[in-house]
N, C-alpha and C. Protein backbone atom coordinates (compact mmCIF):
# COMPACT_ATOMS: atom_id res chain seq x y z
N UNK A 1 34.91 4.10 17.37
CA UNK A 1 34.88 3.02 16.41
C UNK A 1 33.95 3.36 15.25
N UNK A 2 32.71 3.81 15.57
CA UNK A 2 31.73 4.15 14.54
C UNK A 2 30.36 4.36 15.14
N UNK A 3 29.40 4.63 14.26
CA UNK A 3 28.02 4.85 14.70
C UNK A 3 27.06 4.21 13.69
N UNK A 4 25.84 3.95 14.15
CA UNK A 4 24.76 3.56 13.25
C UNK A 4 23.44 3.80 13.97
N UNK A 5 22.42 4.11 13.20
CA UNK A 5 21.11 4.34 13.79
C UNK A 5 20.17 5.06 12.84
N UNK A 6 19.07 5.56 13.39
CA UNK A 6 18.06 6.26 12.61
C UNK A 6 18.54 7.65 12.22
N UNK A 7 18.37 8.03 10.96
CA UNK A 7 18.59 9.41 10.54
C UNK A 7 17.26 10.15 10.43
N UNK A 8 16.23 9.44 10.03
CA UNK A 8 14.89 10.02 9.88
C UNK A 8 13.87 8.91 10.12
N UNK A 9 12.67 9.34 10.50
CA UNK A 9 11.62 8.37 10.81
C UNK A 9 10.30 9.00 10.42
N UNK A 10 9.54 8.33 9.56
CA UNK A 10 8.22 8.80 9.16
C UNK A 10 7.19 7.79 9.63
N UNK A 11 6.61 8.07 10.78
CA UNK A 11 5.67 7.14 11.41
C UNK A 11 4.44 6.90 10.52
N UNK A 12 3.96 7.94 9.85
CA UNK A 12 2.77 7.80 8.99
C UNK A 12 3.03 6.92 7.77
N UNK A 13 4.26 6.96 7.25
CA UNK A 13 4.60 6.19 6.05
C UNK A 13 5.21 4.83 6.41
N UNK A 14 5.37 4.56 7.72
CA UNK A 14 5.96 3.31 8.20
C UNK A 14 7.35 3.10 7.59
N UNK A 15 8.13 4.18 7.55
CA UNK A 15 9.45 4.14 6.91
C UNK A 15 10.48 4.87 7.76
N UNK A 16 11.72 4.46 7.58
CA UNK A 16 12.83 5.11 8.27
C UNK A 16 14.06 5.14 7.37
N UNK A 17 14.94 6.05 7.66
CA UNK A 17 16.24 6.12 6.99
C UNK A 17 17.30 5.87 8.04
N UNK A 18 18.23 4.98 7.71
CA UNK A 18 19.32 4.69 8.63
C UNK A 18 20.62 5.24 8.07
N UNK A 19 21.54 5.49 8.97
CA UNK A 19 22.87 5.94 8.57
C UNK A 19 23.91 5.26 9.43
N UNK A 20 25.13 5.26 8.94
CA UNK A 20 26.21 4.59 9.66
C UNK A 20 27.56 5.07 9.16
N UNK A 21 28.56 4.95 10.00
CA UNK A 21 29.94 5.17 9.59
C UNK A 21 30.84 4.34 10.50
N UNK A 22 32.01 4.02 9.99
CA UNK A 22 32.92 3.17 10.74
C UNK A 22 34.34 3.64 10.47
N UNK A 23 35.12 3.71 11.51
CA UNK A 23 36.53 4.09 11.39
C UNK A 23 37.21 3.12 10.42
N UNK A 24 37.95 3.66 9.44
CA UNK A 24 38.57 2.79 8.43
C UNK A 24 39.42 1.65 8.98
N UNK A 25 39.98 1.80 10.16
CA UNK A 25 40.81 0.71 10.68
C UNK A 25 40.00 -0.55 10.97
N UNK A 26 38.65 -0.42 11.02
CA UNK A 26 37.79 -1.58 11.30
C UNK A 26 37.07 -2.10 10.06
N UNK A 27 37.30 -1.49 8.89
CA UNK A 27 36.64 -1.93 7.67
C UNK A 27 37.02 -3.38 7.35
N UNK A 28 36.07 -4.10 6.77
CA UNK A 28 36.32 -5.46 6.31
C UNK A 28 36.24 -6.53 7.38
N UNK A 29 35.82 -6.15 8.58
CA UNK A 29 35.75 -7.12 9.69
C UNK A 29 34.32 -7.60 9.96
N UNK A 30 33.34 -7.09 9.20
CA UNK A 30 31.95 -7.50 9.40
C UNK A 30 31.25 -6.79 10.54
N UNK A 31 31.89 -5.82 11.14
CA UNK A 31 31.32 -5.13 12.30
C UNK A 31 30.04 -4.38 11.94
N UNK A 32 30.09 -3.62 10.85
CA UNK A 32 28.91 -2.83 10.48
C UNK A 32 27.79 -3.72 9.98
N UNK A 33 28.11 -4.79 9.28
CA UNK A 33 27.07 -5.73 8.85
C UNK A 33 26.34 -6.28 10.06
N UNK A 34 27.07 -6.67 11.07
CA UNK A 34 26.47 -7.22 12.29
C UNK A 34 25.63 -6.17 13.03
N UNK A 35 26.17 -4.96 13.15
CA UNK A 35 25.44 -3.90 13.84
C UNK A 35 24.15 -3.54 13.10
N UNK A 36 24.24 -3.39 11.78
CA UNK A 36 23.04 -3.04 11.01
C UNK A 36 22.02 -4.17 11.02
N UNK A 37 22.48 -5.42 10.97
CA UNK A 37 21.55 -6.55 11.05
C UNK A 37 20.74 -6.48 12.35
N UNK A 38 21.39 -6.15 13.44
CA UNK A 38 20.68 -6.04 14.73
C UNK A 38 19.66 -4.91 14.70
N UNK A 39 20.04 -3.78 14.14
CA UNK A 39 19.12 -2.64 14.07
C UNK A 39 17.94 -2.96 13.16
N UNK A 40 18.21 -3.55 12.01
CA UNK A 40 17.14 -3.89 11.06
C UNK A 40 16.19 -4.91 11.68
N UNK A 41 16.74 -5.91 12.36
CA UNK A 41 15.91 -6.91 13.03
C UNK A 41 14.98 -6.24 14.03
N UNK A 42 15.49 -5.30 14.81
CA UNK A 42 14.66 -4.58 15.78
C UNK A 42 13.60 -3.73 15.07
N UNK A 43 13.99 -3.02 14.01
CA UNK A 43 13.06 -2.15 13.29
C UNK A 43 11.88 -2.95 12.74
N UNK A 44 12.17 -4.11 12.15
CA UNK A 44 11.12 -4.90 11.52
C UNK A 44 10.40 -5.86 12.47
N UNK A 45 10.80 -5.91 13.73
CA UNK A 45 10.15 -6.83 14.66
C UNK A 45 8.75 -6.32 15.00
N UNK A 46 7.88 -7.24 15.29
CA UNK A 46 6.51 -6.89 15.65
C UNK A 46 6.45 -6.12 16.97
N UNK A 47 7.49 -6.26 17.79
CA UNK A 47 7.50 -5.62 19.10
C UNK A 47 8.41 -4.39 19.13
N UNK A 48 8.68 -3.81 17.97
CA UNK A 48 9.52 -2.61 17.92
C UNK A 48 8.89 -1.50 18.76
N UNK A 49 9.67 -0.86 19.62
CA UNK A 49 9.11 0.23 20.44
C UNK A 49 8.76 1.47 19.61
N UNK A 50 9.15 1.48 18.33
CA UNK A 50 8.91 2.63 17.47
C UNK A 50 7.69 2.47 16.58
N UNK A 51 7.02 1.33 16.65
CA UNK A 51 5.84 1.09 15.82
C UNK A 51 6.17 0.15 14.67
N UNK A 52 5.26 0.12 13.71
CA UNK A 52 5.38 -0.78 12.57
C UNK A 52 6.16 -0.09 11.44
N UNK A 53 7.10 -0.82 10.86
CA UNK A 53 7.86 -0.31 9.72
C UNK A 53 7.73 -1.26 8.55
N UNK A 54 7.62 -0.69 7.36
CA UNK A 54 7.60 -1.49 6.14
C UNK A 54 8.84 -1.27 5.29
N UNK A 55 9.51 -0.12 5.48
CA UNK A 55 10.62 0.23 4.60
C UNK A 55 11.76 0.89 5.37
N UNK A 56 12.99 0.51 4.98
CA UNK A 56 14.19 1.17 5.48
C UNK A 56 14.97 1.66 4.27
N UNK A 57 15.43 2.88 4.34
CA UNK A 57 16.26 3.45 3.29
C UNK A 57 17.64 3.75 3.86
N UNK A 58 18.65 3.60 3.02
CA UNK A 58 20.02 3.97 3.37
C UNK A 58 20.67 4.56 2.12
N UNK A 59 21.49 5.57 2.30
CA UNK A 59 22.17 6.22 1.19
C UNK A 59 23.67 6.02 1.29
N UNK A 60 24.31 5.94 0.14
CA UNK A 60 25.77 5.86 0.10
C UNK A 60 26.30 6.92 -0.86
N UNK A 61 27.54 7.30 -0.65
CA UNK A 61 28.21 8.18 -1.59
C UNK A 61 28.63 7.33 -2.78
N UNK A 62 28.32 7.76 -4.01
CA UNK A 62 28.74 6.97 -5.18
C UNK A 62 30.23 6.64 -5.12
N UNK A 63 30.54 5.38 -5.36
CA UNK A 63 31.92 4.93 -5.31
C UNK A 63 32.31 4.27 -4.00
N UNK A 64 31.45 4.35 -2.99
CA UNK A 64 31.74 3.71 -1.71
C UNK A 64 31.31 2.25 -1.80
N UNK A 65 32.12 1.47 -2.46
CA UNK A 65 31.81 0.06 -2.75
C UNK A 65 31.63 -0.75 -1.46
N UNK A 66 32.45 -0.50 -0.45
CA UNK A 66 32.35 -1.24 0.80
C UNK A 66 30.99 -1.05 1.46
N UNK A 67 30.52 0.16 1.50
CA UNK A 67 29.22 0.45 2.11
C UNK A 67 28.10 -0.19 1.30
N UNK A 68 28.22 -0.12 -0.02
CA UNK A 68 27.19 -0.73 -0.87
C UNK A 68 27.16 -2.25 -0.67
N UNK A 69 28.32 -2.87 -0.52
CA UNK A 69 28.37 -4.32 -0.30
C UNK A 69 27.68 -4.70 1.00
N UNK A 70 27.86 -3.89 2.04
CA UNK A 70 27.19 -4.15 3.32
C UNK A 70 25.68 -4.15 3.13
N UNK A 71 25.16 -3.13 2.46
CA UNK A 71 23.71 -3.03 2.26
C UNK A 71 23.18 -4.18 1.40
N UNK A 72 23.87 -4.49 0.33
CA UNK A 72 23.43 -5.59 -0.54
C UNK A 72 23.45 -6.92 0.21
N UNK A 73 24.44 -7.14 1.05
CA UNK A 73 24.53 -8.37 1.84
C UNK A 73 23.33 -8.50 2.78
N UNK A 74 22.82 -7.35 3.25
CA UNK A 74 21.67 -7.35 4.16
C UNK A 74 20.33 -7.40 3.43
N UNK A 75 20.37 -7.41 2.10
CA UNK A 75 19.13 -7.55 1.32
C UNK A 75 18.61 -6.26 0.71
N UNK A 76 19.29 -5.15 0.90
CA UNK A 76 18.86 -3.89 0.30
C UNK A 76 18.98 -3.97 -1.21
N UNK A 77 18.12 -3.23 -1.91
CA UNK A 77 18.17 -3.12 -3.36
C UNK A 77 18.62 -1.72 -3.72
N UNK A 78 19.48 -1.61 -4.74
CA UNK A 78 19.90 -0.30 -5.23
C UNK A 78 18.74 0.28 -6.02
N UNK A 79 18.22 1.40 -5.56
CA UNK A 79 17.05 2.01 -6.19
C UNK A 79 17.41 3.21 -7.07
N UNK A 80 18.67 3.56 -7.14
CA UNK A 80 19.07 4.61 -8.05
C UNK A 80 19.78 5.78 -7.39
N UNK A 81 20.15 6.71 -8.23
CA UNK A 81 20.89 7.89 -7.80
C UNK A 81 19.93 9.03 -7.45
N UNK A 82 20.15 9.61 -6.29
CA UNK A 82 19.41 10.82 -5.90
C UNK A 82 20.37 11.99 -6.08
N UNK A 83 20.15 12.76 -7.14
CA UNK A 83 21.08 13.82 -7.51
C UNK A 83 21.06 14.96 -6.51
N UNK A 84 22.25 15.35 -6.08
CA UNK A 84 22.48 16.48 -5.17
C UNK A 84 21.53 16.47 -3.97
N UNK A 85 21.31 15.31 -3.39
CA UNK A 85 20.40 15.23 -2.24
C UNK A 85 21.13 15.27 -0.91
N UNK A 86 22.46 15.33 -0.93
CA UNK A 86 23.24 15.50 0.29
C UNK A 86 23.95 16.84 0.25
N UNK A 87 24.18 17.41 1.43
CA UNK A 87 24.89 18.69 1.49
C UNK A 87 25.82 18.69 2.69
N UNK A 88 27.11 18.78 2.43
CA UNK A 88 28.11 18.93 3.48
C UNK A 88 29.36 19.54 2.86
N UNK A 89 30.19 20.11 3.73
CA UNK A 89 31.42 20.79 3.29
C UNK A 89 31.12 21.83 2.20
N UNK A 90 30.00 22.54 2.38
CA UNK A 90 29.61 23.64 1.49
C UNK A 90 29.38 23.24 0.04
N UNK A 91 28.98 22.01 -0.19
CA UNK A 91 28.62 21.63 -1.54
C UNK A 91 27.61 20.49 -1.54
N UNK A 92 26.91 20.35 -2.66
CA UNK A 92 25.91 19.29 -2.83
C UNK A 92 26.59 18.02 -3.32
N UNK A 93 26.01 16.88 -2.92
CA UNK A 93 26.56 15.59 -3.30
C UNK A 93 25.43 14.67 -3.76
N UNK A 94 25.72 13.87 -4.79
CA UNK A 94 24.79 12.83 -5.20
C UNK A 94 24.86 11.69 -4.19
N UNK A 95 23.76 10.97 -4.04
CA UNK A 95 23.71 9.82 -3.15
C UNK A 95 23.03 8.65 -3.85
N UNK A 96 23.58 7.46 -3.67
CA UNK A 96 22.92 6.25 -4.14
C UNK A 96 21.91 5.84 -3.08
N UNK A 97 20.69 5.58 -3.53
CA UNK A 97 19.60 5.22 -2.62
C UNK A 97 19.42 3.70 -2.62
N UNK A 98 19.39 3.13 -1.44
CA UNK A 98 19.13 1.70 -1.26
C UNK A 98 17.90 1.54 -0.38
N UNK A 99 17.05 0.58 -0.70
CA UNK A 99 15.84 0.33 0.08
C UNK A 99 15.69 -1.13 0.44
N UNK A 100 15.07 -1.37 1.59
CA UNK A 100 14.78 -2.72 2.05
C UNK A 100 13.36 -2.74 2.59
N UNK A 101 12.55 -3.65 2.09
CA UNK A 101 11.18 -3.82 2.56
C UNK A 101 11.13 -4.94 3.60
N UNK A 102 10.21 -4.82 4.51
CA UNK A 102 10.09 -5.80 5.59
C UNK A 102 9.94 -7.22 5.02
N UNK A 103 9.14 -7.37 3.98
CA UNK A 103 8.89 -8.70 3.38
C UNK A 103 10.15 -9.28 2.76
N UNK A 104 11.15 -8.45 2.45
CA UNK A 104 12.37 -8.92 1.81
C UNK A 104 13.44 -9.32 2.81
N UNK A 105 13.30 -8.90 4.05
CA UNK A 105 14.34 -9.13 5.06
C UNK A 105 14.29 -10.54 5.57
N UNK A 106 15.45 -11.20 5.55
CA UNK A 106 15.53 -12.59 6.04
C UNK A 106 16.27 -12.64 7.34
């Protein structure tokens, strides 16, 4: 069906990067929004087994409107384009960076 979870974790900076993907046949059903909400709630909880977090980052491929809508719905802010910061299929890719601070999460 899909995956979601931590891609990177910086304990000293109290920050993490999350990633996710979902089989296209399930797009538009709210599944990823619900899954990410649960993960974000756990990350920002005072009893998180991973320690204290202040920031979560997530990246999208430019033009992936569905993914961007999910992040914006969860309170992430578009922080800009990170040029050629992704690498797969033997080439570099730009990524849109989204961030969410603990104080902003509802």
